[in-house]
Amino acid sequence: MALFDFLILSVPIFLLFLLIKRNKTTKKACSPPGPDGLPFIGNLHQLRNSNLHQYLWKLSQKHGPLMYLRLGFKPALIVSSAKMAREILKTHDLEFCSRPALTATKKFTYNGLDLAFAPYGAYWREVKKKCVVRVFSSIRAQSFRPIREDEVSRMIENISKSALASKPFNLTEELVSLTSTTLCRVAFGKRYEIGGSDKNRFQELLHETQAMASSFFLSDYFPCLGWLVDKLTGLSYRLEKSFKEFDAFYKGIIDDNLDPNRPKPEREDTILDFLLQIHKEGSFKVQLTLDHIKAILTVI
């Protein structure tokens, strides 16, 4: 029995040793120069510097404008010159244009069904074409001008009332409210009143989503074992809970929009109206589902 236990413990350690050895061999064979990393974690510990941009610049002075880092088992390139940036973003843009598929962004974009995090391909080209022509065009932007002017007027009025009453005013909170409320009216055709339960819920969902998107998921850097650590720390549960709440929020908005008995909205040319129209017409080269719509709305 003791021999069996020893073998069970030895197999993961042996596999881990092979992975580390393979990563080192691959780096030496075909990777740009870069600082030596630690076993297993690579260069992750070097990213905890408070002035990260200055620290990476200093490293580039030693290792060159194209520098290799190993973040766990994930390779990374640090580009620190205009010439190398042009090579990456223009000459070889097809190889580097897709964003990393991180745990949180994959979850909130319904596995990359949005516009910003979708991998480059036929779907991304189709979504971009539709959005550029019918959502982000200059004519459409001008059509939402009354909404922007109305929201700015409301903010100025709130500031004036506080000034006349000699009360302190939280300008940061008001600007965040201005942005989110304007976007909600443009995207959903709905305004969340200050202090209302819907607005508070929406703001809480936004803050939680931002917190999840910036959280450190070990599975992003150690795919083999990181998912288990994320579960044990409760991070996976928190992400799933946040996603379900945001999904329910979107479902409620879409159901209200599709309800034939709903009150007449402020306007019927919102981004959601446009996406639902495409969904009904089936004019997309790929079948546009409600998950596609939710993912696009998340980024907007």
C-alpha atoms as a PDB file:
ATOM      1  CA  MET A   1       0.000   0.000   0.000  1.00  0.00           C
ATOM      2  CA  ALA A   2       2.857   2.380   0.807  1.00  0.00           C
ATOM      3  CA  LEU A   3       4.410   1.722  -2.620  1.00  0.00           C
ATOM      4  CA  PHE A   4       1.091   2.478  -4.296  1.00  0.00           C
ATOM      5  CA  ASP A   5       0.780   5.776  -2.403  1.00  0.00           C
ATOM      6  CA  PHE A   6       4.331   6.686  -3.413  1.00  0.00           C
ATOM      7  CA  LEU A   7       3.568   6.058  -7.085  1.00  0.00           C
ATOM      8  CA  ILE A   8       0.366   8.117  -6.915  1.00  0.00           C
ATOM      9  CA  LEU A   9       2.331  11.065  -5.485  1.00  0.00           C
ATOM     10  CA  SER A  10       5.248  10.640  -7.855  1.00  0.00           C
ATOM     11  CA  VAL A  11       3.292  10.745 -11.129  1.00  0.00           C
ATOM     12  CA  PRO A  12       2.096  14.411 -10.808  1.00  0.00           C
ATOM     13  CA  ILE A  13       5.583  15.523  -9.717  1.00  0.00           C
ATOM     14  CA  PHE A  14       7.166  13.720 -12.662  1.00  0.00           C
ATOM     15  CA  LEU A  15       4.685  15.261 -15.114  1.00  0.00           C
ATOM     16  CA  LEU A  16       5.319  18.681 -13.622  1.00  0.00           C
ATOM     17  CA  PHE A  17       9.069  18.189 -14.050  1.00  0.00           C
ATOM     18  CA  LEU A  18       8.565  17.266 -17.716  1.00  0.00           C
ATOM     19  CA  LEU A  19       6.416  20.350 -18.321  1.00  0.00           C
ATOM     20  CA  ILE A  20       9.003  22.673 -16.766  1.00  0.00           C
ATOM     21  CA  LYS A  21      11.808  21.034 -18.709  1.00  0.00           C
ATOM     22  CA  ARG A  22       9.863  21.277 -21.966  1.00  0.00           C
ATOM     23  CA  ASN A  23       9.096  24.956 -21.369  1.00  0.00           C
ATOM     24  CA  LYS A  24      12.776  25.747 -20.735  1.00  0.00           C
ATOM     25  CA  THR A  25      13.862  23.851 -23.841  1.00  0.00           C
ATOM     26  CA  THR A  26      11.251  25.595 -26.006  1.00  0.00           C
ATOM     27  CA  LYS A  27      12.241  29.010 -24.699  1.00  0.00           C
ATOM     28  CA  LYS A  28      15.935  28.467 -25.427  1.00  0.00           C
ATOM     29  CA  ALA A  29      15.196  27.073 -28.886  1.00  0.00           C
ATOM     30  CA  CYS A  30      12.931  29.688 -30.467  1.00  0.00           C
ATOM     31  CA  SER A  31      12.057  32.512 -28.064  1.00  0.00           C
ATOM     32  CA  PRO A  32      13.383  36.093 -27.875  1.00  0.00           C
ATOM     33  CA  PRO A  33      15.732  36.966 -24.991  1.00  0.00           C
ATOM     34  CA  GLY A  34      14.296  37.693 -21.574  1.00  0.00           C
ATOM     35  CA  PRO A  35      14.960  37.490 -17.838  1.00  0.00           C
ATOM     36  CA  ASP A  36      15.301  34.066 -16.257  1.00  0.00           C
ATOM     37  CA  GLY A  37      12.242  32.954 -14.362  1.00  0.00           C
ATOM     38  CA  LEU A  38      11.688  30.746 -11.349  1.00  0.00           C
ATOM     39  CA  PRO A  39      10.670  27.093 -11.644  1.00  0.00           C
ATOM     40  CA  PHE A  40       6.956  26.561 -12.191  1.00  0.00           C
ATOM     41  CA  ILE A  41       5.836  30.225 -11.826  1.00  0.00           C
ATOM     42  CA  GLY A  42       8.222  31.623 -14.434  1.00  0.00           C
ATOM     43  CA  ASN A  43       8.277  35.440 -14.361  1.00  0.00           C
ATOM     44  CA  LEU A  44       4.960  35.949 -12.572  1.00  0.00           C
ATOM     45  CA  HIS A  45       6.649  37.200  -9.408  1.00  0.00           C
ATOM     46  CA  GLN A  46       8.248  40.036 -11.396  1.00  0.00           C
ATOM     47  CA  LEU A  47       4.854  41.496 -12.341  1.00  0.00           C
ATOM     48  CA  ARG A  48       4.041  42.503  -8.770  1.00  0.00           C
ATOM     49  CA  ASN A  49       6.156  45.635  -9.140  1.00  0.00           C
ATOM     50  CA  SER A  50       4.177  48.792  -8.292  1.00  0.00           C
ATOM     51  CA  ASN A  51       5.663  50.678 -11.271  1.00  0.00           C
ATOM     52  CA  LEU A  52       5.289  47.836 -13.751  1.00  0.00           C
ATOM     53  CA  HIS A  53       5.704  49.941 -16.898  1.00  0.00           C
ATOM     54  CA  GLN A  54       8.997  51.391 -15.630  1.00  0.00           C
ATOM     55  CA  TYR A  55      10.195  47.973 -14.513  1.00  0.00           C
ATOM     56  CA  LEU A  56       9.464  46.425 -17.914  1.00  0.00           C
ATOM     57  CA  TRP A  57      11.186  49.352 -19.635  1.00  0.00           C
ATOM     58  CA  LYS A  58      14.327  48.739 -17.566  1.00  0.00           C
ATOM     59  CA  LEU A  59      14.223  45.065 -18.476  1.00  0.00           C
ATOM     60  CA  SER A  60      13.906  45.977 -22.156  1.00  0.00           C
ATOM     61  CA  GLN A  61      17.084  48.051 -21.894  1.00  0.00           C
ATOM     62  CA  LYS A  62      18.890  44.863 -20.939  1.00  0.00           C
ATOM     63  CA  HIS A  63      17.106  42.260 -23.083  1.00  0.00           C
ATOM     64  CA  GLY A  64      15.996  44.249 -26.127  1.00  0.00           C
ATOM     65  CA  PRO A  65      12.795  45.702 -27.657  1.00  0.00           C
ATOM     66  CA  LEU A  66      11.218  42.253 -28.034  1.00  0.00           C
ATOM     67  CA  MET A  67      11.352  40.416 -24.730  1.00  0.00           C
ATOM     68  CA  TYR A  68      10.071  37.011 -23.653  1.00  0.00           C
ATOM     69  CA  LEU A  69       8.379  36.340 -20.314  1.00  0.00           C
ATOM     70  CA  ARG A  70       6.864  33.123 -19.052  1.00  0.00           C
ATOM     71  CA  LEU A  71       3.758  33.670 -16.903  1.00  0.00           C
ATOM     72  CA  GLY A  72       3.243  30.269 -15.365  1.00  0.00           C
ATOM     73  CA  PHE A  73       2.799  28.086 -18.442  1.00  0.00           C
ATOM     74  CA  LYS A  74       1.717  30.994 -20.647  1.00  0.00           C
ATOM     75  CA  PRO A  75       4.294  32.679 -22.917  1.00  0.00           C
ATOM     76  CA  ALA A  76       4.207  36.467 -23.255  1.00  0.00           C
ATOM     77  CA  LEU A  77       5.986  38.981 -25.499  1.00  0.00           C
ATOM     78  CA  ILE A  78       6.847  42.473 -24.240  1.00  0.00           C
ATOM     79  CA  VAL A  79       7.162  44.977 -27.112  1.00  0.00           C
ATOM     80  CA  SER A  80       8.895  48.244 -26.225  1.00  0.00           C
ATOM     81  CA  SER A  81       9.809  50.012 -29.458  1.00  0.00           C
ATOM     82  CA  ALA A  82       7.855  51.652 -32.271  1.00  0.00           C
ATOM     83  CA  LYS A  83       9.553  49.435 -34.857  1.00  0.00           C
ATOM     84  CA  MET A  84       8.626  46.209 -33.055  1.00  0.00           C
ATOM     85  CA  ALA A  85       5.102  47.489 -32.366  1.00  0.00           C
ATOM     86  CA  ARG A  86       4.668  48.124 -36.099  1.00  0.00           C
ATOM     87  CA  GLU A  87       5.809  44.574 -36.831  1.00  0.00           C
ATOM     88  CA  ILE A  88       3.344  43.148 -34.300  1.00  0.00           C
ATOM     89  CA  LEU A  89       0.308  45.347 -34.997  1.00  0.00           C
ATOM     90  CA  LYS A  90       0.643  45.810 -38.762  1.00  0.00           C
ATOM     91  CA  THR A  91       2.983  43.378 -40.498  1.00  0.00           C
ATOM     92  CA  HIS A  92       1.975  40.321 -38.424  1.00  0.00           C
ATOM     93  CA  ASP A  93      -1.398  41.554 -37.185  1.00  0.00           C
ATOM     94  CA  LEU A  94      -3.272  38.336 -38.094  1.00  0.00           C
ATOM     95  CA  GLU A  95      -1.082  36.340 -35.694  1.00  0.00           C
ATOM     96  CA  PHE A  96      -1.509  38.773 -32.785  1.00  0.00           C
ATOM     97  CA  CYS A  97      -4.918  40.417 -33.262  1.00  0.00           C
ATOM     98  CA  SER A  98      -6.950  38.027 -31.058  1.00  0.00           C
ATOM     99  CA  ARG A  99      -7.028  38.798 -27.337  1.00  0.00           C
ATOM    100  CA  PRO A 100      -6.078  36.213 -24.700  1.00  0.00           C
ATOM    101  CA  ALA A 101      -8.975  33.988 -23.673  1.00  0.00           C
ATOM    102  CA  LEU A 102      -8.928  34.659 -19.917  1.00  0.00           C
ATOM    103  CA  THR A 103     -11.326  32.948 -17.511  1.00  0.00           C
ATOM    104  CA  ALA A 104     -13.394  35.987 -16.508  1.00  0.00           C
ATOM    105  CA  THR A 105     -13.647  37.570 -19.964  1.00  0.00           C
ATOM    106  CA  LYS A 106     -14.610  34.240 -21.530  1.00  0.00           C
ATOM    107  CA  LYS A 107     -17.397  33.885 -18.985  1.00  0.00           C
ATOM    108  CA  PHE A 108     -18.858  37.375 -19.330  1.00  0.00           C
ATOM    109  CA  THR A 109     -18.612  37.354 -23.146  1.00  0.00           C
ATOM    110  CA  TYR A 110     -20.346  33.981 -23.402  1.00  0.00           C
ATOM    111  CA  ASN A 111     -17.167  32.281 -24.559  1.00  0.00           C
ATOM    112  CA  GLY A 112     -16.068  35.063 -26.892  1.00  0.00           C
ATOM    113  CA  LEU A 113     -19.332  35.896 -28.691  1.00  0.00           C
ATOM    114  CA  ASP A 114     -18.854  39.654 -28.339  1.00  0.00           C
ATOM    115  CA  LEU A 115     -16.981  42.147 -30.516  1.00  0.00           C
ATOM    116  CA  ALA A 116     -13.906  42.968 -28.410  1.00  0.00           C
ATOM    117  CA  PHE A 117     -12.832  39.502 -27.264  1.00  0.00           C
ATOM    118  CA  ALA A 118     -14.085  37.304 -30.100  1.00  0.00           C
ATOM    119  CA  PRO A 119     -11.166  35.592 -31.885  1.00  0.00           C
ATOM    120  CA  TYR A 120     -10.397  36.890 -35.352  1.00  0.00           C
ATOM    121  CA  GLY A 121     -12.422  35.022 -37.955  1.00  0.00           C
ATOM    122  CA  ALA A 122     -15.629  35.029 -40.006  1.00  0.00           C
ATOM    123  CA  TYR A 123     -17.878  35.725 -37.002  1.00  0.00           C
ATOM    124  CA  TRP A 124     -15.788  38.679 -35.781  1.00  0.00           C
ATOM    125  CA  ARG A 125     -15.701  40.194 -39.287  1.00  0.00           C
ATOM    126  CA  GLU A 126     -19.477  39.873 -39.628  1.00  0.00           C
ATOM    127  CA  VAL A 127     -20.202  41.416 -36.211  1.00  0.00           C
ATOM    128  CA  LYS A 128     -17.763  44.258 -36.855  1.00  0.00           C
ATOM    129  CA  LYS A 129     -19.310  45.024 -40.250  1.00  0.00           C
ATOM    130  CA  LYS A 130     -22.851  45.132 -38.867  1.00  0.00           C
ATOM    131  CA  CYS A 131     -21.900  47.229 -35.838  1.00  0.00           C
ATOM    132  CA  VAL A 132     -19.753  49.718 -37.769  1.00  0.00           C
ATOM    133  CA  VAL A 133     -22.432  50.296 -40.414  1.00  0.00           C
ATOM    134  CA  ARG A 134     -25.574  50.287 -38.248  1.00  0.00           C
ATOM    135  CA  VAL A 135     -24.556  50.843 -34.612  1.00  0.00           C
ATOM    136  CA  PHE A 136     -21.402  52.980 -34.452  1.00  0.00           C
ATOM    137  CA  SER A 137     -21.949  55.063 -37.593  1.00  0.00           C
ATOM    138  CA  SER A 138     -21.778  58.869 -37.352  1.00  0.00           C
ATOM    139  CA  ILE A 139     -25.475  59.127 -38.255  1.00  0.00           C
ATOM    140  CA  ARG A 140     -26.426  56.780 -35.410  1.00  0.00           C
ATOM    141  CA  ALA A 141     -24.147  58.632 -32.980  1.00  0.00           C
ATOM    142  CA  GLN A 142     -25.796  61.950 -33.900  1.00  0.00           C
ATOM    143  CA  SER A 143     -29.246  60.434 -33.391  1.00  0.00           C
ATOM    144  CA  PHE A 144     -28.388  59.854 -29.729  1.00  0.00           C
ATOM    145  CA  ARG A 145     -27.292  63.454 -29.200  1.00  0.00           C
ATOM    146  CA  PRO A 146     -30.541  64.462 -27.390  1.00  0.00           C
ATOM    147  CA  ILE A 147     -29.923  61.688 -24.850  1.00  0.00           C
ATOM    148  CA  ARG A 148     -26.393  62.892 -24.165  1.00  0.00           C
ATOM    149  CA  GLU A 149     -27.509  66.508 -23.835  1.00  0.00           C
ATOM    150  CA  ASP A 150     -30.364  65.558 -21.507  1.00  0.00           C
ATOM    151  CA  GLU A 151     -28.109  63.548 -19.205  1.00  0.00           C
ATOM    152  CA  VAL A 152     -25.473  66.310 -19.055  1.00  0.00           C
ATOM    153  CA  SER A 153     -28.214  68.843 -18.240  1.00  0.00           C
ATOM    154  CA  ARG A 154     -29.450  66.626 -15.408  1.00  0.00           C
ATOM    155  CA  MET A 155     -25.923  66.380 -14.000  1.00  0.00           C
ATOM    156  CA  ILE A 156     -25.397  70.159 -14.147  1.00  0.00           C
ATOM    157  CA  GLU A 157     -28.737  70.669 -12.425  1.00  0.00           C
ATOM    158  CA  ASN A 158     -27.714  68.287  -9.613  1.00  0.00           C
ATOM    159  CA  ILE A 159     -24.411  70.121  -9.170  1.00  0.00           C
ATOM    160  CA  SER A 160     -26.194  73.493  -9.068  1.00  0.00           C
ATOM    161  CA  LYS A 161     -28.668  72.298  -6.435  1.00  0.00           C
ATOM    162  CA  SER A 162     -25.857  71.031  -4.219  1.00  0.00           C
ATOM    163  CA  ALA A 163     -23.905  74.273  -4.650  1.00  0.00           C
ATOM    164  CA  LEU A 164     -26.923  76.435  -3.739  1.00  0.00           C
ATOM    165  CA  ALA A 165     -27.545  74.302  -0.663  1.00  0.00           C
ATOM    166  CA  SER A 166     -23.813  74.411   0.256  1.00  0.00           C
ATOM    167  CA  LYS A 167     -23.694  70.629   0.303  1.00  0.00           C
ATOM    168  CA  PRO A 168     -20.676  68.503  -0.721  1.00  0.00           C
ATOM    169  CA  PHE A 169     -20.962  66.848  -4.116  1.00  0.00           C
ATOM    170  CA  ASN A 170     -19.359  63.587  -5.187  1.00  0.00           C
ATOM    171  CA  LEU A 171     -18.299  64.450  -8.731  1.00  0.00           C
ATOM    172  CA  THR A 172     -16.705  61.030  -9.365  1.00  0.00           C
ATOM    173  CA  GLU A 173     -19.921  59.219  -8.516  1.00  0.00           C
ATOM    174  CA  GLU A 174     -21.960  61.623 -10.643  1.00  0.00           C
ATOM    175  CA  LEU A 175     -19.699  61.181 -13.686  1.00  0.00           C
ATOM    176  CA  VAL A 176     -19.908  57.394 -13.373  1.00  0.00           C
ATOM    177  CA  SER A 177     -23.679  57.733 -13.143  1.00  0.00           C
ATOM    178  CA  LEU A 178     -23.709  60.014 -16.206  1.00  0.00           C
ATOM    179  CA  THR A 179     -21.776  57.495 -18.266  1.00  0.00           C
ATOM    180  CA  SER A 180     -23.725  54.410 -17.211  1.00  0.00           C
ATOM    181  CA  THR A 181     -27.129  56.083 -17.504  1.00  0.00           C
ATOM    182  CA  THR A 182     -26.346  57.447 -20.968  1.00  0.00           C
ATOM    183  CA  LEU A 183     -25.164  54.040 -22.125  1.00  0.00           C
ATOM    184  CA  CYS A 184     -28.256  52.357 -20.701  1.00  0.00           C
ATOM    185  CA  ARG A 185     -30.574  54.732 -22.547  1.00  0.00           C
ATOM    186  CA  VAL A 186     -28.631  54.253 -25.788  1.00  0.00           C
ATOM    187  CA  ALA A 187     -28.338  50.476 -25.442  1.00  0.00           C
ATOM    188  CA  PHE A 188     -31.581  49.506 -23.674  1.00  0.00           C
ATOM    189  CA  GLY A 189     -33.834  52.557 -23.991  1.00  0.00           C
ATOM    190  CA  LYS A 190     -34.176  52.640 -20.221  1.00  0.00           C
ATOM    191  CA  ARG A 191     -33.021  55.146 -17.629  1.00  0.00           C
ATOM    192  CA  TYR A 192     -32.174  53.981 -14.121  1.00  0.00           C
ATOM    193  CA  GLU A 193     -33.175  56.705 -11.696  1.00  0.00           C
ATOM    194  CA  ILE A 194     -30.686  57.803  -9.047  1.00  0.00           C
ATOM    195  CA  GLY A 195     -31.300  55.973  -5.811  1.00  0.00           C
ATOM    196  CA  GLY A 196     -33.664  53.472  -7.433  1.00  0.00           C
ATOM    197  CA  SER A 197     -33.320  49.753  -6.784  1.00  0.00           C
ATOM    198  CA  ASP A 198     -32.703  48.977 -10.479  1.00  0.00           C
ATOM    199  CA  LYS A 199     -29.925  51.547 -10.689  1.00  0.00           C
ATOM    200  CA  ASN A 200     -28.293  50.272  -7.486  1.00  0.00           C
ATOM    201  CA  ARG A 201     -28.481  46.723  -8.767  1.00  0.00           C
ATOM    202  CA  PHE A 202     -26.988  47.715 -12.111  1.00  0.00           C
ATOM    203  CA  GLN A 203     -24.110  49.596 -10.454  1.00  0.00           C
ATOM    204  CA  GLU A 204     -23.397  46.646  -8.149  1.00  0.00           C
ATOM    205  CA  LEU A 205     -23.311  44.286 -11.125  1.00  0.00           C
ATOM    206  CA  LEU A 206     -20.905  46.600 -12.966  1.00  0.00           C
ATOM    207  CA  HIS A 207     -18.566  46.865  -9.972  1.00  0.00           C
ATOM    208  CA  GLU A 208     -18.597  43.109  -9.428  1.00  0.00           C
ATOM    209  CA  THR A 209     -17.963  42.425 -13.111  1.00  0.00           C
ATOM    210  CA  GLN A 210     -15.004  44.818 -13.108  1.00  0.00           C
ATOM    211  CA  ALA A 211     -13.657  43.173  -9.958  1.00  0.00           C
ATOM    212  CA  MET A 212     -13.917  39.724 -11.538  1.00  0.00           C
ATOM    213  CA  ALA A 213     -12.320  40.883 -14.804  1.00  0.00           C
ATOM    214  CA  SER A 214      -9.286  42.191 -12.878  1.00  0.00           C
ATOM    215  CA  SER A 215      -9.005  39.210 -10.506  1.00  0.00           C
ATOM    216  CA  PHE A 216      -6.078  36.805 -10.643  1.00  0.00           C
ATOM    217  CA  PHE A 217      -7.363  33.402 -11.756  1.00  0.00           C
ATOM    218  CA  LEU A 218      -4.649  30.802 -11.336  1.00  0.00           C
ATOM    219  CA  SER A 219      -6.218  28.714 -14.108  1.00  0.00           C
ATOM    220  CA  ASP A 220      -5.230  31.414 -16.628  1.00  0.00           C
ATOM    221  CA  TYR A 221      -1.549  30.681 -15.990  1.00  0.00           C
ATOM    222  CA  PHE A 222      -1.616  27.078 -14.764  1.00  0.00           C
ATOM    223  CA  PRO A 223      -4.363  25.320 -16.758  1.00  0.00           C
ATOM    224  CA  CYS A 224      -3.568  21.874 -15.363  1.00  0.00           C
ATOM    225  CA  LEU A 225      -4.016  22.624 -11.650  1.00  0.00           C
ATOM    226  CA  GLY A 226      -5.113  26.253 -11.390  1.00  0.00           C
ATOM    227  CA  TRP A 227      -8.823  25.525 -11.801  1.00  0.00           C
ATOM    228  CA  LEU A 228      -8.744  23.469  -8.600  1.00  0.00           C
ATOM    229  CA  VAL A 229      -7.141  26.315  -6.634  1.00  0.00           C
ATOM    230  CA  ASP A 230      -9.712  28.767  -8.023  1.00  0.00           C
ATOM    231  CA  LYS A 231     -12.465  26.478  -6.758  1.00  0.00           C
ATOM    232  CA  LEU A 232     -10.904  26.080  -3.316  1.00  0.00           C
ATOM    233  CA  THR A 233     -10.455  29.846  -2.908  1.00  0.00           C
ATOM    234  CA  GLY A 234     -14.073  30.479  -3.915  1.00  0.00           C
ATOM    235  CA  LEU A 235     -13.121  32.608  -6.915  1.00  0.00           C
ATOM    236  CA  SER A 236     -14.834  30.265  -9.394  1.00  0.00           C
ATOM    237  CA  TYR A 237     -18.048  30.310  -7.349  1.00  0.00           C
ATOM    238  CA  ARG A 238     -17.980  34.115  -7.144  1.00  0.00           C
ATOM    239  CA  LEU A 239     -17.479  34.376 -10.912  1.00  0.00           C
ATOM    240  CA  GLU A 240     -20.336  31.976 -11.642  1.00  0.00           C
ATOM    241  CA  LYS A 241     -22.651  33.833  -9.234  1.00  0.00           C
ATOM    242  CA  SER A 242     -21.807  37.204 -10.798  1.00  0.00           C
ATOM    243  CA  PHE A 243     -22.327  35.837 -14.306  1.00  0.00           C
ATOM    244  CA  LYS A 244     -25.724  34.350 -13.450  1.00  0.00           C
ATOM    245  CA  GLU A 245     -26.884  37.667 -11.957  1.00  0.00           C
ATOM    246  CA  PHE A 246     -25.758  39.604 -15.037  1.00  0.00           C
ATOM    247  CA  ASP A 247     -27.375  37.017 -17.330  1.00  0.00           C
ATOM    248  CA  ALA A 248     -30.651  37.348 -15.423  1.00  0.00           C
ATOM    249  CA  PHE A 249     -30.391  41.132 -15.699  1.00  0.00           C
ATOM    250  CA  TYR A 250     -30.046  40.894 -19.489  1.00  0.00           C
ATOM    251  CA  LYS A 251     -32.837  38.346 -19.725  1.00  0.00           C
ATOM    252  CA  GLY A 252     -35.163  40.727 -17.910  1.00  0.00           C
ATOM    253  CA  ILE A 253     -34.310  43.595 -20.267  1.00  0.00           C
ATOM    254  CA  ILE A 254     -34.773  41.425 -23.380  1.00  0.00           C
ATOM    255  CA  ASP A 255     -38.072  40.003 -22.097  1.00  0.00           C
ATOM    256  CA  ASP A 256     -39.348  43.532 -21.417  1.00  0.00           C
ATOM    257  CA  ASN A 257     -38.344  44.586 -24.930  1.00  0.00           C
ATOM    258  CA  LEU A 258     -40.134  41.622 -26.517  1.00  0.00           C
ATOM    259  CA  ASP A 259     -43.288  42.083 -24.423  1.00  0.00           C
ATOM    260  CA  PRO A 260     -46.029  43.358 -26.797  1.00  0.00           C
ATOM    261  CA  ASN A 261     -47.907  44.925 -23.858  1.00  0.00           C
ATOM    262  CA  ARG A 262     -45.008  46.996 -22.563  1.00  0.00           C
ATOM    263  CA  PRO A 263     -45.429  50.798 -22.259  1.00  0.00           C
ATOM    264  CA  LYS A 264     -44.296  52.743 -25.316  1.00  0.00           C
ATOM    265  CA  PRO A 265     -40.533  53.292 -24.919  1.00  0.00           C
ATOM    266  CA  GLU A 266     -38.727  56.624 -25.180  1.00  0.00           C
ATOM    267  CA  ARG A 267     -37.400  55.551 -28.589  1.00  0.00           C
ATOM    268  CA  GLU A 268     -37.372  52.333 -30.606  1.00  0.00           C
ATOM    269  CA  ASP A 269     -33.959  52.537 -32.276  1.00  0.00           C
ATOM    270  CA  THR A 270     -31.741  51.443 -29.415  1.00  0.00           C
ATOM    271  CA  ILE A 271     -28.823  49.071 -29.838  1.00  0.00           C
ATOM    272  CA  LEU A 272     -30.911  46.286 -28.310  1.00  0.00           C
ATOM    273  CA  ASP A 273     -33.723  46.944 -30.818  1.00  0.00           C
ATOM    274  CA  PHE A 274     -31.226  46.694 -33.669  1.00  0.00           C
ATOM    275  CA  LEU A 275     -29.747  43.415 -32.397  1.00  0.00           C
ATOM    276  CA  LEU A 276     -33.174  41.867 -31.805  1.00  0.00           C
ATOM    277  CA  GLN A 277     -34.202  42.908 -35.309  1.00  0.00           C
ATOM    278  CA  ILE A 278     -31.210  41.053 -36.773  1.00  0.00           C
ATOM    279  CA  HIS A 279     -32.082  38.082 -34.549  1.00  0.00           C
ATOM    280  CA  LYS A 280     -35.622  37.970 -35.974  1.00  0.00           C
ATOM    281  CA  GLU A 281     -34.601  38.535 -39.597  1.00  0.00           C
ATOM    282  CA  GLY A 282     -31.829  35.934 -39.560  1.00  0.00           C
ATOM    283  CA  SER A 283     -29.718  38.195 -41.769  1.00  0.00           C
ATOM    284  CA  PHE A 284     -26.471  37.175 -40.061  1.00  0.00           C
ATOM    285  CA  LYS A 285     -24.202  34.665 -41.777  1.00  0.00           C
ATOM    286  CA  VAL A 286     -24.197  32.807 -38.456  1.00  0.00           C
ATOM    287  CA  GLN A 287     -27.328  32.266 -36.394  1.00  0.00           C
ATOM    288  CA  LEU A 288     -27.489  35.157 -33.918  1.00  0.00           C
ATOM    289  CA  THR A 289     -28.747  33.799 -30.588  1.00  0.00           C
ATOM    290  CA  LEU A 290     -29.736  35.686 -27.456  1.00  0.00           C
ATOM    291  CA  ASP A 291     -26.346  34.793 -25.983  1.00  0.00           C
ATOM    292  CA  HIS A 292     -24.680  36.635 -28.884  1.00  0.00           C
ATOM    293  CA  ILE A 293     -26.820  39.692 -28.112  1.00  0.00           C
ATOM    294  CA  LYS A 294     -25.982  39.566 -24.402  1.00  0.00           C
ATOM    295  CA  ALA A 295     -22.275  39.282 -25.152  1.00  0.00           C
ATOM    296  CA  ILE A 296     -22.308  42.288 -27.504  1.00  0.00           C
ATOM    297  CA  LEU A 297     -24.276  44.330 -24.957  1.00  0.00           C
ATOM    298  CA  THR A 298     -21.753  43.443 -22.248  1.00  0.00           C
ATOM    299  CA  VAL A 299     -18.925  45.102 -24.150  1.00  0.00           C
ATOM    300  CA  ILE A 300     -21.033  48.103 -25.179  1.00  0.00           C
END
